[in-house]
Amino acid sequence: MGQKYAKLSLSAGMVVAVERVRERLQRAAEALEAAGIAYTVVGGAG
């Protein structure tokens, strides 16, 4: 995660990592939708 997150606890670091993945997935979904490409997201929590 780099120096920016070096002082976070393990659990806080995991929360940051999960949020970064969610943000990346959101950007990917938006790009696919804008291009008119059908997609499916598989997996996830819950």
N, C-alpha and C. Protein backbone atom coordinates (compact mmCIF):
# COMPACT_ATOMS: atom_id res chain seq x y z
N MET A 1 0.81 -1.20 0.00
CA MET A 1 0.00 0.00 0.00
C MET A 1 0.85 1.26 0.00
N GLY A 2 2.10 1.14 0.32
CA GLY A 2 2.98 2.29 0.27
C GLY A 2 3.10 2.99 1.61
N GLN A 3 3.97 3.99 1.64
CA GLN A 3 4.24 4.73 2.87
C GLN A 3 3.01 5.41 3.43
N LYS A 4 2.11 5.82 2.59
CA LYS A 4 0.92 6.53 3.03
C LYS A 4 0.13 5.75 4.07
N TYR A 5 0.16 4.41 3.99
CA TYR A 5 -0.62 3.57 4.87
C TYR A 5 0.25 2.77 5.85
N ALA A 6 1.51 3.08 5.93
CA ALA A 6 2.45 2.29 6.72
C ALA A 6 2.11 2.24 8.20
N LYS A 7 1.48 3.25 8.75
CA LYS A 7 1.20 3.30 10.18
C LYS A 7 -0.17 2.78 10.57
N LEU A 8 -0.93 2.26 9.61
CA LEU A 8 -2.25 1.72 9.91
C LEU A 8 -2.12 0.35 10.56
N SER A 9 -3.07 0.01 11.43
CA SER A 9 -3.12 -1.33 11.97
C SER A 9 -3.48 -2.30 10.85
N LEU A 10 -3.29 -3.57 11.12
CA LEU A 10 -3.59 -4.57 10.10
C LEU A 10 -5.05 -4.49 9.67
N SER A 11 -5.97 -4.40 10.63
CA SER A 11 -7.39 -4.35 10.26
C SER A 11 -7.74 -3.07 9.51
N ALA A 12 -7.16 -1.95 9.90
CA ALA A 12 -7.41 -0.70 9.18
C ALA A 12 -6.85 -0.78 7.77
N GLY A 13 -5.69 -1.40 7.63
CA GLY A 13 -5.09 -1.58 6.31
C GLY A 13 -5.96 -2.44 5.41
N MET A 14 -6.57 -3.48 6.00
CA MET A 14 -7.46 -4.34 5.23
C MET A 14 -8.70 -3.57 4.77
N VAL A 15 -9.22 -2.72 5.63
CA VAL A 15 -10.39 -1.91 5.26
C VAL A 15 -10.03 -1.00 4.09
N VAL A 16 -8.87 -0.37 4.15
CA VAL A 16 -8.42 0.50 3.07
C VAL A 16 -8.27 -0.29 1.78
N ALA A 17 -7.68 -1.48 1.88
CA ALA A 17 -7.47 -2.31 0.68
C ALA A 17 -8.80 -2.70 0.05
N VAL A 18 -9.77 -3.10 0.86
CA VAL A 18 -11.08 -3.49 0.33
C VAL A 18 -11.75 -2.30 -0.33
N GLU A 19 -11.67 -1.14 0.30
CA GLU A 19 -12.28 0.06 -0.29
C GLU A 19 -11.62 0.40 -1.63
N ARG A 20 -10.32 0.24 -1.73
CA ARG A 20 -9.64 0.51 -3.00
C ARG A 20 -10.10 -0.45 -4.09
N VAL A 21 -10.32 -1.71 -3.73
CA VAL A 21 -10.82 -2.69 -4.71
C VAL A 21 -12.23 -2.30 -5.15
N ARG A 22 -13.07 -1.91 -4.20
CA ARG A 22 -14.44 -1.50 -4.55
C ARG A 22 -14.43 -0.30 -5.50
N GLU A 23 -13.55 0.66 -5.22
CA GLU A 23 -13.46 1.84 -6.08
C GLU A 23 -13.00 1.45 -7.49
N ARG A 24 -12.03 0.55 -7.56
CA ARG A 24 -11.53 0.11 -8.86
C ARG A 24 -12.62 -0.63 -9.62
N LEU A 25 -13.37 -1.47 -8.94
CA LEU A 25 -14.47 -2.19 -9.58
C LEU A 25 -15.53 -1.23 -10.08
N GLN A 26 -15.82 -0.20 -9.30
CA GLN A 26 -16.82 0.80 -9.71
C GLN A 26 -16.37 1.51 -10.99
N ARG A 27 -15.09 1.88 -11.05
CA ARG A 27 -14.57 2.55 -12.26
C ARG A 27 -14.64 1.61 -13.46
N ALA A 28 -14.29 0.35 -13.25
CA ALA A 28 -14.34 -0.62 -14.35
C ALA A 28 -15.77 -0.81 -14.84
N ALA A 29 -16.72 -0.92 -13.92
CA ALA A 29 -18.12 -1.09 -14.30
C ALA A 29 -18.62 0.13 -15.07
N GLU A 30 -18.26 1.31 -14.62
CA GLU A 30 -18.67 2.53 -15.33
C GLU A 30 -18.11 2.57 -16.74
N ALA A 31 -16.85 2.16 -16.90
CA ALA A 31 -16.24 2.15 -18.23
C ALA A 31 -16.92 1.14 -19.14
N LEU A 32 -17.22 -0.04 -18.61
CA LEU A 32 -17.91 -1.06 -19.41
C LEU A 32 -19.30 -0.60 -19.80
N GLU A 33 -20.03 -0.01 -18.88
CA GLU A 33 -21.37 0.50 -19.19
C GLU A 33 -21.31 1.60 -20.25
N ALA A 34 -20.35 2.51 -20.12
CA ALA A 34 -20.22 3.60 -21.09
C ALA A 34 -19.92 3.07 -22.48
N ALA A 35 -19.20 1.94 -22.54
CA ALA A 35 -18.86 1.34 -23.83
C ALA A 35 -19.94 0.40 -24.34
N GLY A 36 -21.00 0.20 -23.55
CA GLY A 36 -22.08 -0.68 -23.97
C GLY A 36 -21.73 -2.14 -23.92
N ILE A 37 -20.78 -2.50 -23.06
CA ILE A 37 -20.33 -3.88 -22.94
C ILE A 37 -21.02 -4.54 -21.75
N ALA A 38 -21.68 -5.67 -22.02
CA ALA A 38 -22.34 -6.41 -20.95
C ALA A 38 -21.29 -7.07 -20.06
N TYR A 39 -21.55 -7.11 -18.77
CA TYR A 39 -20.59 -7.72 -17.84
C TYR A 39 -21.34 -8.28 -16.64
N THR A 40 -20.69 -9.16 -15.92
CA THR A 40 -21.23 -9.71 -14.69
C THR A 40 -20.11 -9.71 -13.65
N VAL A 41 -20.45 -9.31 -12.44
CA VAL A 41 -19.51 -9.36 -11.32
C VAL A 41 -19.85 -10.60 -10.51
N VAL A 42 -18.86 -11.45 -10.28
CA VAL A 42 -19.07 -12.69 -9.56
C VAL A 42 -18.31 -12.64 -8.25
N GLY A 43 -18.94 -13.11 -7.20
CA GLY A 43 -18.29 -13.16 -5.90
C GLY A 43 -18.66 -11.97 -5.04
N GLY A 44 -17.96 -11.81 -3.97
CA GLY A 44 -18.22 -10.69 -3.08
C GLY A 44 -18.61 -11.16 -1.69
N ALA A 45 -18.71 -10.21 -0.81
CA ALA A 45 -19.04 -10.52 0.58
C ALA A 45 -20.55 -10.46 0.76
N GLY A 46 -21.03 -11.35 1.57
CA GLY A 46 -22.43 -11.30 1.95
C GLY A 46 -23.24 -12.23 1.26
